[in-house]
Amino acid sequence: MKVLLGVNTCIVTKEPGDPKLYNESLLLHRVKVELIKQGHDVIKKLMYKDGHMVADTEHYIRERKGKWAIWFSDYALRLSTEDYNQGIVTYRVDKL
């Protein structure tokens, strides 16, 4: 898995040999681990636990001090694992 964190987007690319993922939480956990390896201080959390009015199953990755967050903007339409399994998924990065 290759994770490229930009200003407004986070692009996650599936590399040859990476397994298919069927769980949104597991995918975001692996993205979080890659971001930690890159030196970012991040956590994965359910969005509603931070007071966001979204589905109670939607996860996101945020900087520990709450400066920015990574989330899948098309969550209401499909899961990000569908895009990841096809090769690439783009997450949105917003300042909080």
PDB file of N, CA and C in Angstrom:
ATOM      1  N   MET A   1       0.848  -1.179   0.000  1.00  0.00           N
ATOM      2  CA  MET A   1       0.000   0.000   0.000  1.00  0.00           C
ATOM      3  C   MET A   1       0.888   1.236   0.000  1.00  0.00           C
ATOM      4  N   LYS A   2       0.520   2.163  -0.865  1.00  0.00           N
ATOM      5  CA  LYS A   2       1.254   3.422  -0.960  1.00  0.00           C
ATOM      6  C   LYS A   2       0.286   4.554  -0.614  1.00  0.00           C
ATOM      7  N   VAL A   3       0.672   5.410   0.333  1.00  0.00           N
ATOM      8  CA  VAL A   3      -0.178   6.508   0.782  1.00  0.00           C
ATOM      9  C   VAL A   3       0.522   7.827   0.482  1.00  0.00           C
ATOM     10  N   LEU A   4      -0.158   8.690  -0.264  1.00  0.00           N
ATOM     11  CA  LEU A   4       0.377  10.005  -0.609  1.00  0.00           C
ATOM     12  C   LEU A   4      -0.568  11.059  -0.044  1.00  0.00           C
ATOM     13  N   LEU A   5      -0.109  11.779   0.966  1.00  0.00           N
ATOM     14  CA  LEU A   5      -0.922  12.799   1.625  1.00  0.00           C
ATOM     15  C   LEU A   5      -0.623  14.153   1.013  1.00  0.00           C
ATOM     16  N   GLY A   6      -1.650  14.754   0.407  1.00  0.00           N
ATOM     17  CA  GLY A   6      -1.508  16.071  -0.186  1.00  0.00           C
ATOM     18  C   GLY A   6      -2.216  17.121   0.642  1.00  0.00           C
ATOM     19  N   VAL A   7      -2.415  18.298   0.065  1.00  0.00           N
ATOM     20  CA  VAL A   7      -3.060  19.395   0.772  1.00  0.00           C
ATOM     21  C   VAL A   7      -4.559  19.138   0.930  1.00  0.00           C
ATOM     22  N   ASN A   8      -5.230  18.717  -0.144  1.00  0.00           N
ATOM     23  CA  ASN A   8      -6.680  18.498  -0.108  1.00  0.00           C
ATOM     24  C   ASN A   8      -7.094  17.054  -0.311  1.00  0.00           C
ATOM     25  N   THR A   9      -6.154  16.192  -0.683  1.00  0.00           N
ATOM     26  CA  THR A   9      -6.486  14.797  -0.933  1.00  0.00           C
ATOM     27  C   THR A   9      -5.436  13.872  -0.341  1.00  0.00           C
ATOM     28  N   CYS A  10      -5.862  12.658  -0.086  1.00  0.00           N
ATOM     29  CA  CYS A  10      -4.970  11.580   0.330  1.00  0.00           C
ATOM     30  C   CYS A  10      -5.232  10.435  -0.639  1.00  0.00           C
ATOM     31  N   ILE A  11      -4.218  10.072  -1.410  1.00  0.00           N
ATOM     32  CA  ILE A  11      -4.377   9.032  -2.424  1.00  0.00           C
ATOM     33  C   ILE A  11      -3.725   7.753  -1.922  1.00  0.00           C
ATOM     34  N   VAL A  12      -4.518   6.682  -1.891  1.00  0.00           N
ATOM     35  CA  VAL A  12      -4.041   5.383  -1.440  1.00  0.00           C
ATOM     36  C   VAL A  12      -4.056   4.447  -2.645  1.00  0.00           C
ATOM     37  N   THR A  13      -2.900   3.871  -2.942  1.00  0.00           N
ATOM     38  CA  THR A  13      -2.753   3.001  -4.100  1.00  0.00           C
ATOM     39  C   THR A  13      -2.459   1.585  -3.633  1.00  0.00           C
ATOM     40  N   LYS A  14      -3.168   0.641  -4.210  1.00  0.00           N
ATOM     41  CA  LYS A  14      -2.929  -0.770  -3.925  1.00  0.00           C
ATOM     42  C   LYS A  14      -1.753  -1.234  -4.776  1.00  0.00           C
ATOM     43  N   GLU A  15      -0.781  -1.856  -4.129  1.00  0.00           N
ATOM     44  CA  GLU A  15       0.388  -2.356  -4.830  1.00  0.00           C
ATOM     45  C   GLU A  15       0.239  -3.852  -5.098  1.00  0.00           C
ATOM     46  N   PRO A  16       0.971  -4.381  -6.082  1.00  0.00           N
ATOM     47  CA  PRO A  16       0.914  -5.821  -6.347  1.00  0.00           C
ATOM     48  C   PRO A  16       1.293  -6.606  -5.094  1.00  0.00           C
ATOM     49  N   GLY A  17       0.522  -7.614  -4.790  1.00  0.00           N
ATOM     50  CA  GLY A  17       0.764  -8.429  -3.605  1.00  0.00           C
ATOM     51  C   GLY A  17      -0.051  -8.023  -2.399  1.00  0.00           C
ATOM     52  N   ASP A  18      -0.649  -6.832  -2.428  1.00  0.00           N
ATOM     53  CA  ASP A  18      -1.519  -6.414  -1.326  1.00  0.00           C
ATOM     54  C   ASP A  18      -2.823  -7.197  -1.387  1.00  0.00           C
ATOM     55  N   PRO A  19      -3.337  -7.650  -0.242  1.00  0.00           N
ATOM     56  CA  PRO A  19      -4.581  -8.424  -0.253  1.00  0.00           C
ATOM     57  C   PRO A  19      -5.802  -7.538  -0.508  1.00  0.00           C
ATOM     58  N   LYS A  20      -6.887  -8.169  -0.979  1.00  0.00           N
ATOM     59  CA  LYS A  20      -8.162  -7.464  -1.105  1.00  0.00           C
ATOM     60  C   LYS A  20      -8.682  -7.190   0.295  1.00  0.00           C
ATOM     61  N   LEU A  21      -9.297  -6.051   0.476  1.00  0.00           N
ATOM     62  CA  LEU A  21      -9.866  -5.695   1.773  1.00  0.00           C
ATOM     63  C   LEU A  21     -11.364  -5.510   1.619  1.00  0.00           C
ATOM     64  N   TYR A  22     -12.117  -6.011   2.582  1.00  0.00           N
ATOM     65  CA  TYR A  22     -13.571  -5.930   2.531  1.00  0.00           C
ATOM     66  C   TYR A  22     -14.152  -5.131   3.686  1.00  0.00           C
ATOM     67  N   ASN A  23     -13.291  -4.570   4.521  1.00  0.00           N
ATOM     68  CA  ASN A  23     -13.730  -3.874   5.721  1.00  0.00           C
ATOM     69  C   ASN A  23     -13.169  -2.455   5.723  1.00  0.00           C
ATOM     70  N   GLU A  24     -14.044  -1.491   5.815  1.00  0.00           N
ATOM     71  CA  GLU A  24     -13.655  -0.069   5.823  1.00  0.00           C
ATOM     72  C   GLU A  24     -12.713   0.249   6.983  1.00  0.00           C
ATOM     73  N   SER A  25     -12.999  -0.304   8.144  1.00  0.00           N
ATOM     74  CA  SER A  25     -12.186  -0.043   9.322  1.00  0.00           C
ATOM     75  C   SER A  25     -10.771  -0.578   9.141  1.00  0.00           C
ATOM     76  N   LEU A  26     -10.641  -1.763   8.575  1.00  0.00           N
ATOM     77  CA  LEU A  26      -9.320  -2.354   8.361  1.00  0.00           C
ATOM     78  C   LEU A  26      -8.508  -1.543   7.351  1.00  0.00           C
ATOM     79  N   LEU A  27      -9.146  -1.079   6.295  1.00  0.00           N
ATOM     80  CA  LEU A  27      -8.452  -0.257   5.303  1.00  0.00           C
ATOM     81  C   LEU A  27      -7.932   1.027   5.939  1.00  0.00           C
ATOM     82  N   LEU A  28      -8.769   1.710   6.692  1.00  0.00           N
ATOM     83  CA  LEU A  28      -8.336   2.950   7.326  1.00  0.00           C
ATOM     84  C   LEU A  28      -7.270   2.703   8.399  1.00  0.00           C
ATOM     85  N   HIS A  29      -7.326   1.552   9.055  1.00  0.00           N
ATOM     86  CA  HIS A  29      -6.278   1.206  10.022  1.00  0.00           C
ATOM     87  C   HIS A  29      -4.938   1.082   9.314  1.00  0.00           C
ATOM     88  N   ARG A  30      -4.924   0.425   8.162  1.00  0.00           N
ATOM     89  CA  ARG A  30      -3.672   0.271   7.418  1.00  0.00           C
ATOM     90  C   ARG A  30      -3.165   1.606   6.876  1.00  0.00           C
ATOM     91  N   VAL A  31      -4.085   2.473   6.476  1.00  0.00           N
ATOM     92  CA  VAL A  31      -3.690   3.817   6.035  1.00  0.00           C
ATOM     93  C   VAL A  31      -3.086   4.572   7.217  1.00  0.00           C
ATOM     94  N   LYS A  32      -3.713   4.452   8.378  1.00  0.00           N
ATOM     95  CA  LYS A  32      -3.205   5.107   9.584  1.00  0.00           C
ATOM     96  C   LYS A  32      -1.799   4.631   9.910  1.00  0.00           C
ATOM     97  N   VAL A  33      -1.549   3.339   9.832  1.00  0.00           N
ATOM     98  CA  VAL A  33      -0.220   2.789  10.119  1.00  0.00           C
ATOM     99  C   VAL A  33       0.810   3.352   9.149  1.00  0.00           C
ATOM    100  N   GLU A  34       0.446   3.461   7.869  1.00  0.00           N
ATOM    101  CA  GLU A  34       1.367   4.030   6.878  1.00  0.00           C
ATOM    102  C   GLU A  34       1.650   5.505   7.168  1.00  0.00           C
ATOM    103  N   LEU A  35       0.634   6.255   7.572  1.00  0.00           N
ATOM    104  CA  LEU A  35       0.835   7.665   7.897  1.00  0.00           C
ATOM    105  C   LEU A  35       1.719   7.830   9.129  1.00  0.00           C
ATOM    106  N   ILE A  36       1.575   6.946  10.105  1.00  0.00           N
ATOM    107  CA  ILE A  36       2.424   6.986  11.291  1.00  0.00           C
ATOM    108  C   ILE A  36       3.877   6.706  10.898  1.00  0.00           C
ATOM    109  N   LYS A  37       4.080   5.755   9.963  1.00  0.00           N
ATOM    110  CA  LYS A  37       5.433   5.475   9.478  1.00  0.00           C
ATOM    111  C   LYS A  37       6.038   6.696   8.792  1.00  0.00           C
ATOM    112  N   GLN A  38       5.193   7.540   8.180  1.00  0.00           N
ATOM    113  CA  GLN A  38       5.659   8.744   7.503  1.00  0.00           C
ATOM    114  C   GLN A  38       5.902   9.900   8.484  1.00  0.00           C
ATOM    115  N   GLY A  39       5.568   9.689   9.763  1.00  0.00           N
ATOM    116  CA  GLY A  39       5.848  10.694  10.774  1.00  0.00           C
ATOM    117  C   GLY A  39       4.656  11.525  11.217  1.00  0.00           C
ATOM    118  N   HIS A  40       3.449  11.183  10.770  1.00  0.00           N
ATOM    119  CA  HIS A  40       2.255  11.926  11.178  1.00  0.00           C
ATOM    120  C   HIS A  40       1.698  11.349  12.477  1.00  0.00           C
ATOM    121  N   ASP A  41       1.196  12.202  13.355  1.00  0.00           N
ATOM    122  CA  ASP A  41       0.593  11.787  14.616  1.00  0.00           C
ATOM    123  C   ASP A  41      -0.918  11.733  14.409  1.00  0.00           C
ATOM    124  N   VAL A  42      -1.420  10.559  14.015  1.00  0.00           N
ATOM    125  CA  VAL A  42      -2.831  10.417  13.650  1.00  0.00           C
ATOM    126  C   VAL A  42      -3.505   9.304  14.440  1.00  0.00           C
ATOM    127  N   ILE A  43      -4.842   9.388  14.502  1.00  0.00           N
ATOM    128  CA  ILE A  43      -5.656   8.333  15.088  1.00  0.00           C
ATOM    129  C   ILE A  43      -6.821   8.052  14.151  1.00  0.00           C
ATOM    130  N   LYS A  44      -7.367   6.835  14.236  1.00  0.00           N
ATOM    131  CA  LYS A  44      -8.563   6.465  13.483  1.00  0.00           C
ATOM    132  C   LYS A  44      -9.724   6.442  14.470  1.00  0.00           C
ATOM    133  N   LYS A  45     -10.832   7.023  14.087  1.00  0.00           N
ATOM    134  CA  LYS A  45     -11.944   7.142  15.023  1.00  0.00           C
ATOM    135  C   LYS A  45     -13.266   7.125  14.279  1.00  0.00           C
ATOM    136  N   LEU A  46     -14.326   6.719  14.967  1.00  0.00           N
ATOM    137  CA  LEU A  46     -15.672   6.852  14.416  1.00  0.00           C
ATOM    138  C   LEU A  46     -16.045   8.329  14.436  1.00  0.00           C
ATOM    139  N   MET A  47     -16.567   8.817  13.335  1.00  0.00           N
ATOM    140  CA  MET A  47     -16.835  10.252  13.210  1.00  0.00           C
ATOM    141  C   MET A  47     -17.866  10.750  14.213  1.00  0.00           C
ATOM    142  N   TYR A  48     -18.901   9.967  14.475  1.00  0.00           N
ATOM    143  CA  TYR A  48     -19.967  10.451  15.349  1.00  0.00           C
ATOM    144  C   TYR A  48     -19.479  10.650  16.783  1.00  0.00           C
ATOM    145  N   LYS A  49     -18.415   9.964  17.174  1.00  0.00           N
ATOM    146  CA  LYS A  49     -17.891  10.119  18.536  1.00  0.00           C
ATOM    147  C   LYS A  49     -17.210  11.467  18.752  1.00  0.00           C
ATOM    148  N   ASP A  50     -16.877  12.148  17.668  1.00  0.00           N
ATOM    149  CA  ASP A  50     -16.332  13.498  17.768  1.00  0.00           C
ATOM    150  C   ASP A  50     -17.411  14.556  17.574  1.00  0.00           C
ATOM    151  N   GLY A  51     -18.670  14.135  17.506  1.00  0.00           N
ATOM    152  CA  GLY A  51     -19.766  15.080  17.403  1.00  0.00           C
ATOM    153  C   GLY A  51     -20.210  15.395  15.983  1.00  0.00           C
ATOM    154  N   HIS A  52     -19.675  14.701  14.986  1.00  0.00           N
ATOM    155  CA  HIS A  52     -20.099  14.935  13.608  1.00  0.00           C
ATOM    156  C   HIS A  52     -21.420  14.208  13.350  1.00  0.00           C
ATOM    157  N   MET A  53     -22.308  14.856  12.641  1.00  0.00           N
ATOM    158  CA  MET A  53     -23.628  14.287  12.378  1.00  0.00           C
ATOM    159  C   MET A  53     -23.587  13.460  11.094  1.00  0.00           C
ATOM    160  N   VAL A  54     -23.084  12.235  11.222  1.00  0.00           N
ATOM    161  CA  VAL A  54     -22.931  11.311  10.102  1.00  0.00           C
ATOM    162  C   VAL A  54     -23.406   9.935  10.550  1.00  0.00           C
ATOM    163  N   ALA A  55     -23.297   8.961   9.662  1.00  0.00           N
ATOM    164  CA  ALA A  55     -23.654   7.588  10.011  1.00  0.00           C
ATOM    165  C   ALA A  55     -22.777   7.104  11.170  1.00  0.00           C
ATOM    166  N   ASP A  56     -23.345   6.280  12.033  1.00  0.00           N
ATOM    167  CA  ASP A  56     -22.587   5.824  13.192  1.00  0.00           C
ATOM    168  C   ASP A  56     -21.569   4.735  12.852  1.00  0.00           C
ATOM    169  N   THR A  57     -21.421   4.407  11.563  1.00  0.00           N
ATOM    170  CA  THR A  57     -20.433   3.422  11.138  1.00  0.00           C
ATOM    171  C   THR A  57     -19.290   4.039  10.340  1.00  0.00           C
ATOM    172  N   GLU A  58     -19.312   5.354  10.121  1.00  0.00           N
ATOM    173  CA  GLU A  58     -18.302   6.004   9.293  1.00  0.00           C
ATOM    174  C   GLU A  58     -17.062   6.353  10.110  1.00  0.00           C
ATOM    175  N   HIS A  59     -15.910   5.863   9.654  1.00  0.00           N
ATOM    176  CA  HIS A  59     -14.632   6.130  10.302  1.00  0.00           C
ATOM    177  C   HIS A  59     -13.907   7.254   9.584  1.00  0.00           C
ATOM    178  N   TYR A  60     -12.945   7.848  10.285  1.00  0.00           N
ATOM    179  CA  TYR A  60     -12.041   8.788   9.655  1.00  0.00           C
ATOM    180  C   TYR A  60     -10.713   8.773  10.386  1.00  0.00           C
ATOM    181  N   ILE A  61      -9.718   9.369   9.746  1.00  0.00           N
ATOM    182  CA  ILE A  61      -8.403   9.497  10.352  1.00  0.00           C
ATOM    183  C   ILE A  61      -8.191  10.986  10.593  1.00  0.00           C
ATOM    184  N   ARG A  62      -7.804  11.310  11.823  1.00  0.00           N
ATOM    185  CA  ARG A  62      -7.566  12.722  12.097  1.00  0.00           C
ATOM    186  C   ARG A  62      -6.247  12.895  12.816  1.00  0.00           C
ATOM    187  N   GLU A  63      -5.696  14.074  12.667  1.00  0.00           N
ATOM    188  CA  GLU A  63      -4.484  14.425  13.375  1.00  0.00           C
ATOM    189  C   GLU A  63      -4.838  14.507  14.859  1.00  0.00           C
ATOM    190  N   ARG A  64      -3.977  13.998  15.705  1.00  0.00           N
ATOM    191  CA  ARG A  64      -4.308  13.853  17.122  1.00  0.00           C
ATOM    192  C   ARG A  64      -4.765  15.151  17.781  1.00  0.00           C
ATOM    193  N   LYS A  65      -4.204  16.278  17.382  1.00  0.00           N
ATOM    194  CA  LYS A  65      -4.593  17.560  17.968  1.00  0.00           C
ATOM    195  C   LYS A  65      -5.769  18.201  17.238  1.00  0.00           C
ATOM    196  N   GLY A  66      -6.313  17.522  16.242  1.00  0.00           N
ATOM    197  CA  GLY A  66      -7.515  17.996  15.571  1.00  0.00           C
ATOM    198  C   GLY A  66      -7.308  19.084  14.546  1.00  0.00           C
ATOM    199  N   LYS A  67      -6.151  19.156  13.921  1.00  0.00           N
ATOM    200  CA  LYS A  67      -5.906  20.189  12.917  1.00  0.00           C
ATOM    201  C   LYS A  67      -6.492  19.828  11.559  1.00  0.00           C
ATOM    202  N   TRP A  68      -6.465  18.546  11.186  1.00  0.00           N
ATOM    203  CA  TRP A  68      -6.989  18.104   9.893  1.00  0.00           C
ATOM    204  C   TRP A  68      -7.517  16.675  10.011  1.00  0.00           C
ATOM    205  N   ALA A  69      -8.322  16.280   9.031  1.00  0.00           N
ATOM    206  CA  ALA A  69      -8.905  14.944   9.028  1.00  0.00           C
ATOM    207  C   ALA A  69      -8.968  14.396   7.604  1.00  0.00           C
ATOM    208  N   ILE A  70      -8.895  13.078   7.487  1.00  0.00           N
ATOM    209  CA  ILE A  70      -9.004  12.375   6.212  1.00  0.00           C
ATOM    210  C   ILE A  70     -10.286  11.547   6.268  1.00  0.00           C
ATOM    211  N   TRP A  71     -11.142  11.707   5.262  1.00  0.00           N
ATOM    212  CA  TRP A  71     -12.393  10.959   5.236  1.00  0.00           C
ATOM    213  C   TRP A  71     -12.804  10.698   3.795  1.00  0.00           C
ATOM    214  N   PHE A  72     -13.686   9.704   3.605  1.00  0.00           N
ATOM    215  CA  PHE A  72     -14.149   9.334   2.278  1.00  0.00           C
ATOM    216  C   PHE A  72     -15.453  10.071   2.006  1.00  0.00           C
ATOM    217  N   SER A  73     -15.416  11.017   1.106  1.00  0.00           N
ATOM    218  CA  SER A  73     -16.572  11.894   0.873  1.00  0.00           C
ATOM    219  C   SER A  73     -17.738  11.193   0.185  1.00  0.00           C
ATOM    220  N   ASP A  74     -17.511  10.055  -0.459  1.00  0.00           N
ATOM    221  CA  ASP A  74     -18.592   9.318  -1.128  1.00  0.00           C
ATOM    222  C   ASP A  74     -19.125   8.171  -0.272  1.00  0.00           C
ATOM    223  N   TYR A  75     -18.949   8.238   1.037  1.00  0.00           N
ATOM    224  CA  TYR A  75     -19.343   7.148   1.928  1.00  0.00           C
ATOM    225  C   TYR A  75     -20.820   6.791   1.799  1.00  0.00           C
ATOM    226  N   ALA A  76     -21.676   7.768   1.551  1.00  0.00           N
ATOM    227  CA  ALA A  76     -23.114   7.500   1.433  1.00  0.00           C
ATOM    228  C   ALA A  76     -23.439   6.705   0.172  1.00  0.00           C
ATOM    229  N   LEU A  77     -22.553   6.726  -0.812  1.00  0.00           N
ATOM    230  CA  LEU A  77     -22.798   6.052  -2.082  1.00  0.00           C
ATOM    231  C   LEU A  77     -22.149   4.682  -2.166  1.00  0.00           C
ATOM    232  N   ARG A  78     -20.929   4.558  -1.655  1.00  0.00           N
ATOM    233  CA  ARG A  78     -20.204   3.289  -1.733  1.00  0.00           C
ATOM    234  C   ARG A  78     -19.098   3.286  -0.677  1.00  0.00           C
ATOM    235  N   LEU A  79     -18.514   2.126  -0.471  1.00  0.00           N
ATOM    236  CA  LEU A  79     -17.409   2.011   0.475  1.00  0.00           C
ATOM    237  C   LEU A  79     -16.084   2.258  -0.231  1.00  0.00           C
ATOM    238  N   SER A  80     -15.124   2.795   0.479  1.00  0.00           N
ATOM    239  CA  SER A  80     -13.828   3.073  -0.122  1.00  0.00           C
ATOM    240  C   SER A  80     -13.071   1.790  -0.454  1.00  0.00           C
ATOM    241  N   THR A  81     -13.440   0.678   0.177  1.00  0.00           N
ATOM    242  CA  THR A  81     -12.783  -0.595  -0.135  1.00  0.00           C
ATOM    243  C   THR A  81     -13.043  -1.018  -1.578  1.00  0.00           C
ATOM    244  N   GLU A  82     -14.183  -0.638  -2.141  1.00  0.00           N
ATOM    245  CA  GLU A  82     -14.478  -0.967  -3.535  1.00  0.00           C
ATOM    246  C   GLU A  82     -13.468  -0.296  -4.459  1.00  0.00           C
ATOM    247  N   ASP A  83     -13.179   0.982  -4.215  1.00  0.00           N
ATOM    248  CA  ASP A  83     -12.199   1.708  -5.022  1.00  0.00           C
ATOM    249  C   ASP A  83     -10.786   1.163  -4.785  1.00  0.00           C
ATOM    250  N   TYR A  84     -10.460   0.882  -3.521  1.00  0.00           N
ATOM    251  CA  TYR A  84      -9.124   0.377  -3.190  1.00  0.00           C
ATOM    252  C   TYR A  84      -8.856  -0.962  -3.882  1.00  0.00           C
ATOM    253  N   ASN A  85      -9.835  -1.846  -3.857  1.00  0.00           N
ATOM    254  CA  ASN A  85      -9.649  -3.161  -4.468  1.00  0.00           C
ATOM    255  C   ASN A  85      -9.466  -3.069  -5.981  1.00  0.00           C
ATOM    256  N   GLN A  86      -9.935  -1.982  -6.592  1.00  0.00           N
ATOM    257  CA  GLN A  86      -9.722  -1.779  -8.024  1.00  0.00           C
ATOM    258  C   GLN A  86      -8.402  -1.082  -8.315  1.00  0.00           C
ATOM    259  N   GLY A  87      -7.701  -0.615  -7.282  1.00  0.00           N
ATOM    260  CA  GLY A  87      -6.373  -0.075  -7.490  1.00  0.00           C
ATOM    261  C   GLY A  87      -6.059   1.240  -6.814  1.00  0.00           C
ATOM    262  N   ILE A  88      -7.036   2.138  -6.689  1.00  0.00           N
ATOM    263  CA  ILE A  88      -6.741   3.457  -6.120  1.00  0.00           C
ATOM    264  C   ILE A  88      -7.997   4.040  -5.462  1.00  0.00           C
ATOM    265  N   VAL A  89      -7.806   4.683  -4.330  1.00  0.00           N
ATOM    266  CA  VAL A  89      -8.906   5.368  -3.656  1.00  0.00           C
ATOM    267  C   VAL A  89      -8.411   6.756  -3.249  1.00  0.00           C
ATOM    268  N   THR A  90      -9.293   7.740  -3.399  1.00  0.00           N
ATOM    269  CA  THR A  90      -8.962   9.114  -3.045  1.00  0.00           C
ATOM    270  C   THR A  90      -9.827   9.555  -1.873  1.00  0.00           C
ATOM    271  N   TYR A  91      -9.162   9.962  -0.800  1.00  0.00           N
ATOM    272  CA  TYR A  91      -9.850  10.480   0.380  1.00  0.00           C
ATOM    273  C   TYR A  91      -9.740  12.000   0.366  1.00  0.00           C
ATOM    274  N   ARG A  92     -10.657  12.628   1.050  1.00  0.00           N
ATOM    275  CA  ARG A  92     -10.650  14.086   1.166  1.00  0.00           C
ATOM    276  C   ARG A  92      -9.918  14.477   2.449  1.00  0.00           C
ATOM    277  N   VAL A  93      -9.146  15.533   2.394  1.00  0.00           N
ATOM    278  CA  VAL A  93      -8.439  16.060   3.576  1.00  0.00           C
ATOM    279  C   VAL A  93      -9.010  17.451   3.859  1.00  0.00           C
ATOM    280  N   ASP A  94      -9.538  17.634   5.080  1.00  0.00           N
ATOM    281  CA  ASP A  94     -10.113  18.913   5.485  1.00  0.00           C
ATOM    282  C   ASP A  94      -9.474  19.396   6.774  1.00  0.00           C
ATOM    283  N   LYS A  95      -9.340  20.691   6.884  1.00  0.00           N
ATOM    284  CA  LYS A  95      -8.889  21.297   8.141  1.00  0.00           C
ATOM    285  C   LYS A  95     -10.100  21.372   9.068  1.00  0.00           C
ATOM    286  N   LEU A  96      -9.882  21.083  10.339  1.00  0.00           N
ATOM    287  CA  LEU A  96     -10.994  21.083  11.312  1.00  0.00           C
ATOM    288  C   LEU A  96     -11.051  22.364  12.092  1.00  0.00           C
TER     289      LEU A  96
END
